Amino acid sequence: MDERDAAIRAKLNDVKDTSGDVKQLEEQAAAVMKAARAEIAAALSKMKKETQEEVEQKLAEGRKKVEAELQEALASLELQKEETLKALDSQIAALSQEIVKKVLPTV
């Protein structure tokens, strides 16, 4: 009986020792998970910042391109306007001469 009690007590002590190890392992696992979460959060934050910077850069490039194309189009329209006005001026002058010829008798 004493041997049996001693064996049971030894097993209980082993279980108590093991439960301490389990608790320690759980704490270590929790610490590892916390560190991993922090690392993942930092990596995600960095990726988000880099992506945002890239998007802003591409938007700025796109705006510059559109603005350059707009300026080019406006310059082209201005040139066409000037050419049209010159053409109209010459047509007006020709029409004026025709009107004068028809209205005033030739001598």
PDB file of N, CA and C in Angstrom:
ATOM      1  N   MET A   1       0.812  -1.193   0.000  1.00  0.00           N
ATOM      2  CA  MET A   1       0.000   0.000   0.000  1.00  0.00           C
ATOM      3  C   MET A   1       0.857   1.259   0.000  1.00  0.00           C
ATOM      4  N   ASP A   2       1.886   1.221   0.760  1.00  0.00           N
ATOM      5  CA  ASP A   2       2.776   2.379   0.796  1.00  0.00           C
ATOM      6  C   ASP A   2       3.428   2.586  -0.571  1.00  0.00           C
ATOM      7  N   GLU A   3       3.762   1.489  -1.195  1.00  0.00           N
ATOM      8  CA  GLU A   3       4.369   1.597  -2.530  1.00  0.00           C
ATOM      9  C   GLU A   3       3.370   2.178  -3.523  1.00  0.00           C
ATOM     10  N   ARG A   4       2.149   1.725  -3.368  1.00  0.00           N
ATOM     11  CA  ARG A   4       1.101   2.219  -4.264  1.00  0.00           C
ATOM     12  C   ARG A   4       0.872   3.715  -4.041  1.00  0.00           C
ATOM     13  N   ASP A   5       0.814   4.150  -2.789  1.00  0.00           N
ATOM     14  CA  ASP A   5       0.673   5.568  -2.471  1.00  0.00           C
ATOM     15  C   ASP A   5       1.854   6.364  -3.024  1.00  0.00           C
ATOM     16  N   ALA A   6       3.013   5.826  -2.857  1.00  0.00           N
ATOM     17  CA  ALA A   6       4.213   6.506  -3.340  1.00  0.00           C
ATOM     18  C   ALA A   6       4.169   6.625  -4.873  1.00  0.00           C
ATOM     19  N   ALA A   7       3.708   5.606  -5.549  1.00  0.00           N
ATOM     20  CA  ALA A   7       3.630   5.618  -7.010  1.00  0.00           C
ATOM     21  C   ALA A   7       2.598   6.641  -7.470  1.00  0.00           C
ATOM     22  N   ILE A   8       1.467   6.684  -6.762  1.00  0.00           N
ATOM     23  CA  ILE A   8       0.415   7.644  -7.116  1.00  0.00           C
ATOM     24  C   ILE A   8       0.921   9.067  -6.890  1.00  0.00           C
ATOM     25  N   ARG A   9       1.599   9.263  -5.759  1.00  0.00           N
ATOM     26  CA  ARG A   9       2.137  10.600  -5.468  1.00  0.00           C
ATOM     27  C   ARG A   9       3.184  11.001  -6.511  1.00  0.00           C
ATOM     28  N   ALA A  10       3.976  10.075  -6.914  1.00  0.00           N
ATOM     29  CA  ALA A  10       4.996  10.358  -7.929  1.00  0.00           C
ATOM     30  C   ALA A  10       4.326  10.738  -9.248  1.00  0.00           C
ATOM     31  N   LYS A  11       3.281  10.012  -9.604  1.00  0.00           N
ATOM     32  CA  LYS A  11       2.562  10.331 -10.830  1.00  0.00           C
ATOM     33  C   LYS A  11       1.884  11.705 -10.736  1.00  0.00           C
ATOM     34  N   LEU A  12       1.311  12.022  -9.571  1.00  0.00           N
ATOM     35  CA  LEU A  12       0.694  13.330  -9.370  1.00  0.00           C
ATOM     36  C   LEU A  12       1.726  14.445  -9.481  1.00  0.00           C
ATOM     37  N   ASN A  13       2.876  14.225  -8.916  1.00  0.00           N
ATOM     38  CA  ASN A  13       3.951  15.229  -9.014  1.00  0.00           C
ATOM     39  C   ASN A  13       4.387  15.400 -10.466  1.00  0.00           C
ATOM     40  N   ASP A  14       4.469  14.300 -11.196  1.00  0.00           N
ATOM     41  CA  ASP A  14       4.831  14.368 -12.614  1.00  0.00           C
ATOM     42  C   ASP A  14       3.780  15.176 -13.392  1.00  0.00           C
ATOM     43  N   VAL A  15       2.510  14.928 -13.064  1.00  0.00           N
ATOM     44  CA  VAL A  15       1.427  15.656 -13.732  1.00  0.00           C
ATOM     45  C   VAL A  15       1.516  17.135 -13.404  1.00  0.00           C
ATOM     46  N   LYS A  16       1.782  17.475 -12.137  1.00  0.00           N
ATOM     47  CA  LYS A  16       1.915  18.878 -11.746  1.00  0.00           C
ATOM     48  C   LYS A  16       3.085  19.521 -12.482  1.00  0.00           C
ATOM     49  N   ASP A  17       4.189  18.818 -12.568  1.00  0.00           N
ATOM     50  CA  ASP A  17       5.354  19.337 -13.284  1.00  0.00           C
ATOM     51  C   ASP A  17       5.030  19.529 -14.765  1.00  0.00           C
ATOM     52  N   THR A  18       4.319  18.579 -15.327  1.00  0.00           N
ATOM     53  CA  THR A  18       3.951  18.657 -16.734  1.00  0.00           C
ATOM     54  C   THR A  18       2.987  19.814 -16.985  1.00  0.00           C
ATOM     55  N   SER A  19       2.051  20.041 -16.071  1.00  0.00           N
ATOM     56  CA  SER A  19       1.105  21.145 -16.258  1.00  0.00           C
ATOM     57  C   SER A  19       1.836  22.486 -16.231  1.00  0.00           C
ATOM     58  N   GLY A  20       2.867  22.591 -15.450  1.00  0.00           N
ATOM     59  CA  GLY A  20       3.694  23.808 -15.446  1.00  0.00           C
ATOM     60  C   GLY A  20       4.379  23.990 -16.785  1.00  0.00           C
ATOM     61  N   ASP A  21       4.877  22.895 -17.347  1.00  0.00           N
ATOM     62  CA  ASP A  21       5.520  22.956 -18.666  1.00  0.00           C
ATOM     63  C   ASP A  21       4.518  23.360 -19.737  1.00  0.00           C
ATOM     64  N   VAL A  22       3.319  22.796 -19.642  1.00  0.00           N
ATOM     65  CA  VAL A  22       2.271  23.129 -20.608  1.00  0.00           C
ATOM     66  C   VAL A  22       1.924  24.611 -20.525  1.00  0.00           C
ATOM     67  N   LYS A  23       1.805  25.108 -19.297  1.00  0.00           N
ATOM     68  CA  LYS A  23       1.480  26.517 -19.112  1.00  0.00           C
ATOM     69  C   LYS A  23       2.586  27.401 -19.695  1.00  0.00           C
ATOM     70  N   GLN A  24       3.822  27.003 -19.473  1.00  0.00           N
ATOM     71  CA  GLN A  24       4.953  27.753 -20.004  1.00  0.00           C
ATOM     72  C   GLN A  24       4.949  27.718 -21.543  1.00  0.00           C
ATOM     73  N   LEU A  25       4.662  26.568 -22.107  1.00  0.00           N
ATOM     74  CA  LEU A  25       4.593  26.445 -23.564  1.00  0.00           C
ATOM     75  C   LEU A  25       3.450  27.285 -24.134  1.00  0.00           C
ATOM     76  N   GLU A  26       2.319  27.309 -23.434  1.00  0.00           N
ATOM     77  CA  GLU A  26       1.198  28.135 -23.869  1.00  0.00           C
ATOM     78  C   GLU A  26       1.575  29.613 -23.860  1.00  0.00           C
ATOM     79  N   GLU A  27       2.293  30.042 -22.820  1.00  0.00           N
ATOM     80  CA  GLU A  27       2.735  31.430 -22.736  1.00  0.00           C
ATOM     81  C   GLU A  27       3.702  31.764 -23.867  1.00  0.00           C
ATOM     82  N   GLN A  28       4.613  30.819 -24.143  1.00  0.00           N
ATOM     83  CA  GLN A  28       5.557  31.032 -25.242  1.00  0.00           C
ATOM     84  C   GLN A  28       4.816  31.110 -26.576  1.00  0.00           C
ATOM     85  N   ALA A  29       3.838  30.239 -26.769  1.00  0.00           N
ATOM     86  CA  ALA A  29       3.052  30.246 -28.002  1.00  0.00           C
ATOM     87  C   ALA A  29       2.304  31.570 -28.141  1.00  0.00           C
ATOM     88  N   ALA A  30       1.741  32.056 -27.040  1.00  0.00           N
ATOM     89  CA  ALA A  30       1.026  33.331 -27.064  1.00  0.00           C
ATOM     90  C   ALA A  30       1.981  34.470 -27.407  1.00  0.00           C
ATOM     91  N   ALA A  31       3.178  34.444 -26.869  1.00  0.00           N
ATOM     92  CA  ALA A  31       4.165  35.481 -27.167  1.00  0.00           C
ATOM     93  C   ALA A  31       4.573  35.436 -28.641  1.00  0.00           C
ATOM     94  N   VAL A  32       4.764  34.228 -29.159  1.00  0.00           N
ATOM     95  CA  VAL A  32       5.122  34.077 -30.568  1.00  0.00           C
ATOM     96  C   VAL A  32       3.997  34.589 -31.457  1.00  0.00           C
ATOM     97  N   MET A  33       2.758  34.259 -31.128  1.00  0.00           N
ATOM     98  CA  MET A  33       1.610  34.729 -31.903  1.00  0.00           C
ATOM     99  C   MET A  33       1.505  36.254 -31.857  1.00  0.00           C
ATOM    100  N   LYS A  34       1.735  36.831 -30.683  1.00  0.00           N
ATOM    101  CA  LYS A  34       1.667  38.285 -30.542  1.00  0.00           C
ATOM    102  C   LYS A  34       2.738  38.948 -31.408  1.00  0.00           C
ATOM    103  N   ALA A  35       3.950  38.404 -31.373  1.00  0.00           N
ATOM    104  CA  ALA A  35       5.041  38.944 -32.188  1.00  0.00           C
ATOM    105  C   ALA A  35       4.730  38.790 -33.678  1.00  0.00           C
ATOM    106  N   ALA A  36       4.176  37.653 -34.058  1.00  0.00           N
ATOM    107  CA  ALA A  36       3.836  37.417 -35.464  1.00  0.00           C
ATOM    108  C   ALA A  36       2.750  38.387 -35.919  1.00  0.00           C
ATOM    109  N   ARG A  37       1.763  38.608 -35.073  1.00  0.00           N
ATOM    110  CA  ARG A  37       0.696  39.557 -35.426  1.00  0.00           C
ATOM    111  C   ARG A  37       1.265  40.966 -35.594  1.00  0.00           C
ATOM    112  N   ALA A  38       2.164  41.346 -34.680  1.00  0.00           N
ATOM    113  CA  ALA A  38       2.772  42.672 -34.780  1.00  0.00           C
ATOM    114  C   ALA A  38       3.600  42.787 -36.058  1.00  0.00           C
ATOM    115  N   GLU A  39       4.321  41.743 -36.390  1.00  0.00           N
ATOM    116  CA  GLU A  39       5.138  41.742 -37.611  1.00  0.00           C
ATOM    117  C   GLU A  39       4.258  41.827 -38.860  1.00  0.00           C
ATOM    118  N   ILE A  40       3.174  41.079 -38.851  1.00  0.00           N
ATOM    119  CA  ILE A  40       2.245  41.101 -39.986  1.00  0.00           C
ATOM    120  C   ILE A  40       1.604  42.478 -40.116  1.00  0.00           C
ATOM    121  N   ALA A  41       1.210  43.057 -38.990  1.00  0.00           N
ATOM    122  CA  ALA A  41       0.590  44.388 -39.019  1.00  0.00           C
ATOM    123  C   ALA A  41       1.579  45.420 -39.561  1.00  0.00           C
ATOM    124  N   ALA A  42       2.836  45.329 -39.147  1.00  0.00           N
ATOM    125  CA  ALA A  42       3.853  46.259 -39.644  1.00  0.00           C
ATOM    126  C   ALA A  42       4.073  46.072 -41.141  1.00  0.00           C
ATOM    127  N   ALA A  43       4.124  44.818 -41.579  1.00  0.00           N
ATOM    128  CA  ALA A  43       4.328  44.533 -43.008  1.00  0.00           C
ATOM    129  C   ALA A  43       3.142  45.054 -43.826  1.00  0.00           C
ATOM    130  N   LEU A  44       1.932  44.835 -43.326  1.00  0.00           N
ATOM    131  CA  LEU A  44       0.745  45.332 -44.030  1.00  0.00           C
ATOM    132  C   LEU A  44       0.740  46.856 -44.098  1.00  0.00           C
ATOM    133  N   SER A  45       1.117  47.480 -43.007  1.00  0.00           N
ATOM    134  CA  SER A  45       1.174  48.941 -42.972  1.00  0.00           C
ATOM    135  C   SER A  45       2.195  49.460 -43.973  1.00  0.00           C
ATOM    136  N   LYS A  46       3.342  48.808 -44.026  1.00  0.00           N
ATOM    137  CA  LYS A  46       4.385  49.209 -44.971  1.00  0.00           C
ATOM    138  C   LYS A  46       3.909  49.026 -46.410  1.00  0.00           C
ATOM    139  N   MET A  47       3.277  47.884 -46.690  1.00  0.00           N
ATOM    140  CA  MET A  47       2.770  47.622 -48.038  1.00  0.00           C
ATOM    141  C   MET A  47       1.702  48.637 -48.419  1.00  0.00           C
ATOM    142  N   LYS A  48       0.829  48.964 -47.475  1.00  0.00           N
ATOM    143  CA  LYS A  48      -0.231  49.935 -47.743  1.00  0.00           C
ATOM    144  C   LYS A  48       0.371  51.298 -48.063  1.00  0.00           C
ATOM    145  N   LYS A  49       1.379  51.705 -47.291  1.00  0.00           N
ATOM    146  CA  LYS A  49       2.030  52.988 -47.519  1.00  0.00           C
ATOM    147  C   LYS A  49       2.715  53.013 -48.885  1.00  0.00           C
ATOM    148  N   GLU A  50       3.439  51.934 -49.215  1.00  0.00           N
ATOM    149  CA  GLU A  50       4.131  51.860 -50.504  1.00  0.00           C
ATOM    150  C   GLU A  50       3.136  51.876 -51.655  1.00  0.00           C
ATOM    151  N   THR A  51       2.041  51.146 -51.499  1.00  0.00           N
ATOM    152  CA  THR A  51       1.015  51.111 -52.536  1.00  0.00           C
ATOM    153  C   THR A  51       0.384  52.485 -52.709  1.00  0.00           C
ATOM    154  N   GLN A  52       0.107  53.149 -51.604  1.00  0.00           N
ATOM    155  CA  GLN A  52      -0.489  54.482 -51.660  1.00  0.00           C
ATOM    156  C   GLN A  52       0.454  55.454 -52.365  1.00  0.00           C
ATOM    157  N   GLU A  53       1.741  55.374 -52.047  1.00  0.00           N
ATOM    158  CA  GLU A  53       2.719  56.247 -52.697  1.00  0.00           C
ATOM    159  C   GLU A  53       2.780  55.964 -54.199  1.00  0.00           C
ATOM    160  N   GLU A  54       2.753  54.691 -54.563  1.00  0.00           N
ATOM    161  CA  GLU A  54       2.797  54.315 -55.976  1.00  0.00           C
ATOM    162  C   GLU A  54       1.557  54.823 -56.710  1.00  0.00           C
ATOM    163  N   VAL A  55       0.393  54.675 -56.072  1.00  0.00           N
ATOM    164  CA  VAL A  55      -0.857  55.140 -56.682  1.00  0.00           C
ATOM    165  C   VAL A  55      -0.812  56.658 -56.865  1.00  0.00           C
ATOM    166  N   GLU A  56      -0.337  57.367 -55.846  1.00  0.00           N
ATOM    167  CA  GLU A  56      -0.265  58.823 -55.939  1.00  0.00           C
ATOM    168  C   GLU A  56       0.710  59.249 -57.038  1.00  0.00           C
ATOM    169  N   GLN A  57       1.822  58.528 -57.164  1.00  0.00           N
ATOM    170  CA  GLN A  57       2.796  58.837 -58.198  1.00  0.00           C
ATOM    171  C   GLN A  57       2.187  58.620 -59.591  1.00  0.00           C
ATOM    172  N   LYS A  58       1.489  57.502 -59.755  1.00  0.00           N
ATOM    173  CA  LYS A  58       0.865  57.210 -61.053  1.00  0.00           C
ATOM    174  C   LYS A  58      -0.221  58.237 -61.372  1.00  0.00           C
ATOM    175  N   LEU A  59      -0.983  58.643 -60.352  1.00  0.00           N
ATOM    176  CA  LEU A  59      -2.002  59.665 -60.565  1.00  0.00           C
ATOM    177  C   LEU A  59      -1.370  60.988 -60.982  1.00  0.00           C
ATOM    178  N   ALA A  60      -0.273  61.355 -60.328  1.00  0.00           N
ATOM    179  CA  ALA A  60       0.408  62.596 -60.679  1.00  0.00           C
ATOM    180  C   ALA A  60       0.928  62.532 -62.113  1.00  0.00           C
ATOM    181  N   GLU A  61       1.493  61.387 -62.493  1.00  0.00           N
ATOM    182  CA  GLU A  61       1.969  61.223 -63.866  1.00  0.00           C
ATOM    183  C   GLU A  61       0.815  61.322 -64.860  1.00  0.00           C
ATOM    184  N   GLY A  62      -0.300  60.687 -64.508  1.00  0.00           N
ATOM    185  CA  GLY A  62      -1.485  60.744 -65.372  1.00  0.00           C
ATOM    186  C   GLY A  62      -2.003  62.163 -65.511  1.00  0.00           C
ATOM    187  N   ARG A  63      -2.031  62.888 -64.400  1.00  0.00           N
ATOM    188  CA  ARG A  63      -2.498  64.282 -64.449  1.00  0.00           C
ATOM    189  C   ARG A  63      -1.591  65.127 -65.340  1.00  0.00           C
ATOM    190  N   LYS A  64      -0.274  64.925 -65.182  1.00  0.00           N
ATOM    191  CA  LYS A  64       0.671  65.687 -66.009  1.00  0.00           C
ATOM    192  C   LYS A  64       0.455  65.377 -67.485  1.00  0.00           C
ATOM    193  N   LYS A  65       0.265  64.103 -67.785  1.00  0.00           N
ATOM    194  CA  LYS A  65       0.058  63.695 -69.178  1.00  0.00           C
ATOM    195  C   LYS A  65      -1.224  64.316 -69.738  1.00  0.00           C
ATOM    196  N   VAL A  66      -2.304  64.243 -68.971  1.00  0.00           N
ATOM    197  CA  VAL A  66      -3.583  64.807 -69.410  1.00  0.00           C
ATOM    198  C   VAL A  66      -3.456  66.313 -69.565  1.00  0.00           C
ATOM    199  N   GLU A  67      -2.766  66.961 -68.623  1.00  0.00           N
ATOM    200  CA  GLU A  67      -2.598  68.406 -68.696  1.00  0.00           C
ATOM    201  C   GLU A  67      -1.787  68.797 -69.932  1.00  0.00           C
ATOM    202  N   ALA A  68      -0.734  68.029 -70.223  1.00  0.00           N
ATOM    203  CA  ALA A  68       0.078  68.302 -71.415  1.00  0.00           C
ATOM    204  C   ALA A  68      -0.757  68.122 -72.681  1.00  0.00           C
ATOM    205  N   GLU A  69      -1.558  67.061 -72.733  1.00  0.00           N
ATOM    206  CA  GLU A  69      -2.416  66.825 -73.895  1.00  0.00           C
ATOM    207  C   GLU A  69      -3.456  67.929 -74.032  1.00  0.00           C
ATOM    208  N   LEU A  70      -3.983  68.392 -72.915  1.00  0.00           N
ATOM    209  CA  LEU A  70      -4.966  69.479 -72.934  1.00  0.00           C
ATOM    210  C   LEU A  70      -4.335  70.761 -73.461  1.00  0.00           C
ATOM    211  N   GLN A  71      -3.132  71.072 -72.981  1.00  0.00           N
ATOM    212  CA  GLN A  71      -2.444  72.272 -73.465  1.00  0.00           C
ATOM    213  C   GLN A  71      -2.171  72.176 -74.961  1.00  0.00           C
ATOM    214  N   GLU A  72      -1.774  70.993 -75.402  1.00  0.00           N
ATOM    215  CA  GLU A  72      -1.519  70.778 -76.830  1.00  0.00           C
ATOM    216  C   GLU A  72      -2.803  70.959 -77.643  1.00  0.00           C
ATOM    217  N   ALA A  73      -3.892  70.406 -77.135  1.00  0.00           N
ATOM    218  CA  ALA A  73      -5.178  70.531 -77.825  1.00  0.00           C
ATOM    219  C   ALA A  73      -5.625  71.990 -77.869  1.00  0.00           C
ATOM    220  N   LEU A  74      -5.445  72.705 -76.760  1.00  0.00           N
ATOM    221  CA  LEU A  74      -5.825  74.125 -76.730  1.00  0.00           C
ATOM    222  C   LEU A  74      -4.985  74.938 -77.712  1.00  0.00           C
ATOM    223  N   ALA A  75      -3.697  74.636 -77.784  1.00  0.00           N
ATOM    224  CA  ALA A  75      -2.828  75.345 -78.737  1.00  0.00           C
ATOM    225  C   ALA A  75      -3.267  75.051 -80.167  1.00  0.00           C
ATOM    226  N   SER A  76      -3.611  73.792 -80.416  1.00  0.00           N
ATOM    227  CA  SER A  76      -4.073  73.419 -81.757  1.00  0.00           C
ATOM    228  C   SER A  76      -5.370  74.137 -82.103  1.00  0.00           C
ATOM    229  N   LEU A  77      -6.287  74.203 -81.149  1.00  0.00           N
ATOM    230  CA  LEU A  77      -7.554  74.914 -81.384  1.00  0.00           C
ATOM    231  C   LEU A  77      -7.313  76.399 -81.626  1.00  0.00           C
ATOM    232  N   GLU A  78      -6.411  76.972 -80.883  1.00  0.00           N
ATOM    233  CA  GLU A  78      -6.102  78.397 -81.068  1.00  0.00           C
ATOM    234  C   GLU A  78      -5.537  78.641 -82.461  1.00  0.00           C
ATOM    235  N   LEU A  79      -4.669  77.756 -82.921  1.00  0.00           N
ATOM    236  CA  LEU A  79      -4.096  77.862 -84.260  1.00  0.00           C
ATOM    237  C   LEU A  79      -5.195  77.735 -85.319  1.00  0.00           C
ATOM    238  N   GLN A  80      -6.084  76.764 -85.129  1.00  0.00           N
ATOM    239  CA  GLN A  80      -7.199  76.598 -86.067  1.00  0.00           C
ATOM    240  C   GLN A  80      -8.094  77.830 -86.083  1.00  0.00           C
ATOM    241  N   LYS A  81      -8.299  78.410 -84.923  1.00  0.00           N
ATOM    242  CA  LYS A  81      -9.128  79.616 -84.816  1.00  0.00           C
ATOM    243  C   LYS A  81      -8.496  80.755 -85.612  1.00  0.00           C
ATOM    244  N   GLU A  82      -7.175  80.925 -85.442  1.00  0.00           N
ATOM    245  CA  GLU A  82      -6.484  81.988 -86.165  1.00  0.00           C
ATOM    246  C   GLU A  82      -6.542  81.758 -87.681  1.00  0.00           C
ATOM    247  N   GLU A  83      -6.343  80.511 -88.090  1.00  0.00           N
ATOM    248  CA  GLU A  83      -6.406  80.187 -89.514  1.00  0.00           C
ATOM    249  C   GLU A  83      -7.812  80.432 -90.069  1.00  0.00           C
ATOM    250  N   THR A  84      -8.815  80.055 -89.293  1.00  0.00           N
ATOM    251  CA  THR A  84     -10.206  80.266 -89.723  1.00  0.00           C
ATOM    252  C   THR A  84     -10.506  81.752 -89.836  1.00  0.00           C
ATOM    253  N   LEU A  85     -10.044  82.544 -88.870  1.00  0.00           N
ATOM    254  CA  LEU A  85     -10.273  83.994 -88.927  1.00  0.00           C
ATOM    255  C   LEU A  85      -9.585  84.610 -90.138  1.00  0.00           C
ATOM    256  N   LYS A  86      -8.359  84.153 -90.443  1.00  0.00           N
ATOM    257  CA  LYS A  86      -7.662  84.662 -91.630  1.00  0.00           C
ATOM    258  C   LYS A  86      -8.431  84.305 -92.899  1.00  0.00           C
ATOM    259  N   ALA A  87      -8.913  83.063 -92.954  1.00  0.00           N
ATOM    260  CA  ALA A  87      -9.686  82.629 -94.120  1.00  0.00           C
ATOM    261  C   ALA A  87     -10.964  83.448 -94.235  1.00  0.00           C
ATOM    262  N   LEU A  88     -11.626  83.698 -93.116  1.00  0.00           N
ATOM    263  CA  LEU A  88     -12.845  84.507 -93.140  1.00  0.00           C
ATOM    264  C   LEU A  88     -12.542  85.928 -93.564  1.00  0.00           C
ATOM    265  N   ASP A  89     -11.437  86.483 -93.088  1.00  0.00           N
ATOM    266  CA  ASP A  89     -11.062  87.848 -93.478  1.00  0.00           C
ATOM    267  C   ASP A  89     -10.883  87.950 -94.989  1.00  0.00           C
ATOM    268  N   SER A  90     -10.196  86.957 -95.572  1.00  0.00           N
ATOM    269  CA  SER A  90      -9.993  87.005 -97.030  1.00  0.00           C
ATOM    270  C   SER A  90     -11.322  86.827 -97.757  1.00  0.00           C
ATOM    271  N   GLN A  91     -12.203  85.970 -97.238  1.00  0.00           N
ATOM    272  CA  GLN A  91     -13.518  85.776 -97.865  1.00  0.00           C
ATOM    273  C   GLN A  91     -14.367  87.041 -97.731  1.00  0.00           C
ATOM    274  N   ILE A  92     -14.282  87.688 -96.602  1.00  0.00           N
ATOM    275  CA  ILE A  92     -15.040  88.936 -96.387  1.00  0.00           C
ATOM    276  C   ILE A  92     -14.547  90.002 -97.348  1.00  0.00           C
ATOM    277  N   ALA A  93     -13.248  90.078 -97.504  1.00  0.00           N
ATOM    278  CA  ALA A  93     -12.685  91.071 -98.434  1.00  0.00           C
ATOM    279  C   ALA A  93     -13.153  90.791 -99.853  1.00  0.00           C
ATOM    280  N   ALA A  94     -13.147  89.531-100.279  1.00  0.00           N
ATOM    281  CA  ALA A  94     -13.589  89.173-101.632  1.00  0.00           C
ATOM    282  C   ALA A  94     -15.070  89.474-101.804  1.00  0.00           C
ATOM    283  N   LEU A  95     -15.896  89.148-100.803  1.00  0.00           N
ATOM    284  CA  LEU A  95     -17.335  89.437-100.883  1.00  0.00           C
ATOM    285  C   LEU A  95     -17.588  90.934-100.917  1.00  0.00           C
ATOM    286  N   SER A  96     -16.829  91.666-100.146  1.00  0.00           N
ATOM    287  CA  SER A  96     -16.991  93.127-100.131  1.00  0.00           C
ATOM    288  C   SER A  96     -16.696  93.701-101.501  1.00  0.00           C
ATOM    289  N   GLN A  97     -15.652  93.219-102.133  1.00  0.00           N
ATOM    290  CA  GLN A  97     -15.309  93.713-103.473  1.00  0.00           C
ATOM    291  C   GLN A  97     -16.407  93.356-104.473  1.00  0.00           C
ATOM    292  N   GLU A  98     -16.963  92.163-104.348  1.00  0.00           N
ATOM    293  CA  GLU A  98     -18.047  91.775-105.266  1.00  0.00           C
ATOM    294  C   GLU A  98     -19.265  92.653-105.061  1.00  0.00           C
ATOM    295  N   ILE A  99     -19.593  92.921-103.824  1.00  0.00           N
ATOM    296  CA  ILE A  99     -20.750  93.772-103.519  1.00  0.00           C
ATOM    297  C   ILE A  99     -20.516  95.166-104.080  1.00  0.00           C
ATOM    298  N   VAL A 100     -19.318  95.684-103.878  1.00  0.00           N
ATOM    299  CA  VAL A 100     -19.011  97.025-104.384  1.00  0.00           C
ATOM    300  C   VAL A 100     -19.128  97.048-105.909  1.00  0.00           C
ATOM    301  N   LYS A 101     -18.638  96.006-106.558  1.00  0.00           N
ATOM    302  CA  LYS A 101     -18.716  95.951-108.031  1.00  0.00           C
ATOM    303  C   LYS A 101     -20.166  95.909-108.504  1.00  0.00           C
ATOM    304  N   LYS A 102     -21.014  95.199-107.781  1.00  0.00           N
ATOM    305  CA  LYS A 102     -22.418  95.066-108.195  1.00  0.00           C
ATOM    306  C   LYS A 102     -23.207  96.330-107.872  1.00  0.00           C
ATOM    307  N   VAL A 103     -22.877  96.972-106.780  1.00  0.00           N
ATOM    308  CA  VAL A 103     -23.631  98.134-106.360  1.00  0.00           C
ATOM    309  C   VAL A 103     -23.196  99.393-107.125  1.00  0.00           C
ATOM    310  N   LEU A 104     -21.924  99.590-107.238  1.00  0.00           N
ATOM    311  CA  LEU A 104     -21.404 100.780-107.926  1.00  0.00           C
ATOM    312  C   LEU A 104     -21.257 100.484-109.399  1.00  0.00           C
ATOM    313  N   PRO A 105     -21.740 101.376-110.207  1.00  0.00           N
ATOM    314  CA  PRO A 105     -21.593 101.158-111.644  1.00  0.00           C
ATOM    315  C   PRO A 105     -20.128 101.335-112.061  1.00  0.00           C
ATOM    316  N   THR A 106     -19.742 100.562-112.996  1.00  0.00           N
ATOM    317  CA  THR A 106     -18.380 100.670-113.498  1.00  0.00           C
ATOM    318  C   THR A 106     -18.313 101.807-114.500  1.00  0.00           C
ATOM    319  N   VAL A 107     -17.279 102.533-114.451  1.00  0.00           N
ATOM    320  CA  VAL A 107     -17.142 103.705-115.315  1.00  0.00           C
ATOM    321  C   VAL A 107     -16.409 103.380-116.575  1.00  0.00           C
TER     322      VAL A 107
END
